[in-house]
């Protein structure tokens, strides 16, 4: 019982911190797009923390969705894909 509560607390904290970072990454992208202000993203961190939080959550049905934060955070998989495409286009 106690380990369940501790695990849920750790999962919730990791998810919350990761969600905050992922939302800030999207805020940075939107501010660049709308106002042309430049900010630095925190690549991989937000999506990874959310994914770990979901993966260690003590709810079986939730664990299935651990890859989703990596796809939704602009600083994770989308940033890697964008960087690879940009690199590929420059080489041509």
C-alpha atoms as a PDB file:
ATOM      1  CA  UNK A   1       0.000   0.000   0.000  1.00  0.00           C
ATOM      2  CA  UNK A   2       2.723   2.474   0.956  1.00  0.00           C
ATOM      3  CA  UNK A   3       4.794   1.614  -2.109  1.00  0.00           C
ATOM      4  CA  UNK A   4       1.709   2.193  -4.247  1.00  0.00           C
ATOM      5  CA  UNK A   5       1.295   5.680  -2.796  1.00  0.00           C
ATOM      6  CA  UNK A   6       5.000   6.499  -3.106  1.00  0.00           C
ATOM      7  CA  UNK A   7       5.099   5.250  -6.692  1.00  0.00           C
ATOM      8  CA  UNK A   8       1.983   7.244  -7.588  1.00  0.00           C
ATOM      9  CA  UNK A   9       3.480  10.358  -5.988  1.00  0.00           C
ATOM     10  CA  UNK A  10       6.770  10.005  -7.862  1.00  0.00           C
ATOM     11  CA  UNK A  11       4.924   9.311 -11.125  1.00  0.00           C
ATOM     12  CA  UNK A  12       2.725  12.354 -10.584  1.00  0.00           C
ATOM     13  CA  UNK A  13       5.701  14.607  -9.840  1.00  0.00           C
ATOM     14  CA  UNK A  14       7.641  13.414 -12.873  1.00  0.00           C
ATOM     15  CA  UNK A  15       4.602  13.828 -15.097  1.00  0.00           C
ATOM     16  CA  UNK A  16       3.849  17.311 -13.729  1.00  0.00           C
ATOM     17  CA  UNK A  17       7.409  18.581 -14.184  1.00  0.00           C
ATOM     18  CA  UNK A  18       7.581  17.056 -17.654  1.00  0.00           C
ATOM     19  CA  UNK A  19       4.231  18.551 -18.613  1.00  0.00           C
ATOM     20  CA  UNK A  20       5.371  21.988 -17.463  1.00  0.00           C
ATOM     21  CA  UNK A  21       8.543  21.726 -19.565  1.00  0.00           C
ATOM     22  CA  UNK A  22       6.607  20.426 -22.585  1.00  0.00           C
ATOM     23  CA  UNK A  23       4.120  23.297 -22.336  1.00  0.00           C
ATOM     24  CA  UNK A  24       6.984  25.788 -22.077  1.00  0.00           C
ATOM     25  CA  UNK A  25       8.520  24.269 -25.222  1.00  0.00           C
ATOM     26  CA  UNK A  26       5.247  24.872 -27.076  1.00  0.00           C
ATOM     27  CA  UNK A  27       5.100  28.413 -25.658  1.00  0.00           C
ATOM     28  CA  UNK A  28       8.586  29.089 -27.026  1.00  0.00           C
ATOM     29  CA  UNK A  29       7.610  27.817 -30.468  1.00  0.00           C
ATOM     30  CA  UNK A  30       4.413  29.879 -30.527  1.00  0.00           C
ATOM     31  CA  UNK A  31       6.211  33.035 -29.395  1.00  0.00           C
ATOM     32  CA  UNK A  32       8.769  32.554 -32.153  1.00  0.00           C
ATOM     33  CA  UNK A  33       6.046  31.976 -34.739  1.00  0.00           C
ATOM     34  CA  UNK A  34       3.841  34.881 -33.667  1.00  0.00           C
ATOM     35  CA  UNK A  35       6.352  37.490 -32.476  1.00  0.00           C
ATOM     36  CA  UNK A  36       9.672  36.259 -33.899  1.00  0.00           C
ATOM     37  CA  UNK A  37      11.203  36.160 -30.421  1.00  0.00           C
ATOM     38  CA  UNK A  38      13.824  33.486 -29.933  1.00  0.00           C
ATOM     39  CA  UNK A  39      13.995  31.232 -26.883  1.00  0.00           C
ATOM     40  CA  UNK A  40      15.783  27.963 -26.275  1.00  0.00           C
ATOM     41  CA  UNK A  41      13.869  24.711 -26.014  1.00  0.00           C
ATOM     42  CA  UNK A  42      14.662  22.039 -23.466  1.00  0.00           C
ATOM     43  CA  UNK A  43      14.999  19.157 -25.908  1.00  0.00           C
ATOM     44  CA  UNK A  44      13.919  15.662 -24.924  1.00  0.00           C
ATOM     45  CA  UNK A  45      13.502  16.518 -21.211  1.00  0.00           C
ATOM     46  CA  UNK A  46       9.773  17.325 -21.010  1.00  0.00           C
ATOM     47  CA  UNK A  47       8.557  14.389 -23.058  1.00  0.00           C
ATOM     48  CA  UNK A  48      10.955  12.008 -21.346  1.00  0.00           C
ATOM     49  CA  UNK A  49       9.881  12.984 -17.838  1.00  0.00           C
ATOM     50  CA  UNK A  50       6.204  12.642 -18.786  1.00  0.00           C
ATOM     51  CA  UNK A  51       6.860   9.259 -20.397  1.00  0.00           C
ATOM     52  CA  UNK A  52       8.723   7.992 -17.323  1.00  0.00           C
ATOM     53  CA  UNK A  53       5.950   9.266 -15.069  1.00  0.00           C
ATOM     54  CA  UNK A  54       3.355   7.406 -17.113  1.00  0.00           C
ATOM     55  CA  UNK A  55       5.491   4.252 -17.385  1.00  0.00           C
ATOM     56  CA  UNK A  56       5.937   3.932 -13.604  1.00  0.00           C
ATOM     57  CA  UNK A  57       2.355   4.878 -12.732  1.00  0.00           C
ATOM     58  CA  UNK A  58       0.667   2.180 -10.656  1.00  0.00           C
ATOM     59  CA  UNK A  59      -2.313   2.057 -13.047  1.00  0.00           C
ATOM     60  CA  UNK A  60      -2.066  -0.662 -15.689  1.00  0.00           C
ATOM     61  CA  UNK A  61      -4.298   1.062 -18.239  1.00  0.00           C
ATOM     62  CA  UNK A  62      -2.246   4.260 -18.087  1.00  0.00           C
ATOM     63  CA  UNK A  63       1.095   2.543 -18.715  1.00  0.00           C
ATOM     64  CA  UNK A  64       0.090   1.726 -22.285  1.00  0.00           C
ATOM     65  CA  UNK A  65       0.272   5.398 -23.226  1.00  0.00           C
ATOM     66  CA  UNK A  66       3.882   6.082 -22.202  1.00  0.00           C
ATOM     67  CA  UNK A  67       5.083   6.955 -25.770  1.00  0.00           C
ATOM     68  CA  UNK A  68       2.480   9.705 -26.286  1.00  0.00           C
ATOM     69  CA  UNK A  69       4.346  12.489 -24.440  1.00  0.00           C
ATOM     70  CA  UNK A  70       7.393  11.885 -26.628  1.00  0.00           C
ATOM     71  CA  UNK A  71       5.229  12.548 -29.692  1.00  0.00           C
ATOM     72  CA  UNK A  72       3.309  15.500 -28.231  1.00  0.00           C
ATOM     73  CA  UNK A  73       6.266  17.444 -26.827  1.00  0.00           C
ATOM     74  CA  UNK A  74       7.686  19.629 -29.597  1.00  0.00           C
ATOM     75  CA  UNK A  75      11.129  19.264 -28.012  1.00  0.00           C
ATOM     76  CA  UNK A  76      11.239  15.476 -28.326  1.00  0.00           C
ATOM     77  CA  UNK A  77      10.479  13.381 -31.411  1.00  0.00           C
ATOM     78  CA  UNK A  78       9.162  16.291 -33.562  1.00  0.00           C
ATOM     79  CA  UNK A  79      12.363  18.279 -32.917  1.00  0.00           C
ATOM     80  CA  UNK A  80      14.547  15.304 -33.841  1.00  0.00           C
ATOM     81  CA  UNK A  81      12.563  14.755 -37.051  1.00  0.00           C
ATOM     82  CA  UNK A  82      12.772  18.470 -37.911  1.00  0.00           C
ATOM     83  CA  UNK A  83      16.537  18.487 -37.292  1.00  0.00           C
ATOM     84  CA  UNK A  84      17.050  15.410 -39.479  1.00  0.00           C
ATOM     85  CA  UNK A  85      14.981  16.885 -42.317  1.00  0.00           C
ATOM     86  CA  UNK A  86      16.804  20.228 -42.063  1.00  0.00           C
ATOM     87  CA  UNK A  87      20.167  18.444 -42.120  1.00  0.00           C
ATOM     88  CA  UNK A  88      19.105  16.335 -45.085  1.00  0.00           C
ATOM     89  CA  UNK A  89      17.898  19.409 -47.024  1.00  0.00           C
ATOM     90  CA  UNK A  90      21.162  21.285 -46.424  1.00  0.00           C
ATOM     91  CA  UNK A  91      23.220  18.398 -47.750  1.00  0.00           C
ATOM     92  CA  UNK A  92      21.413  18.515 -51.112  1.00  0.00           C
END
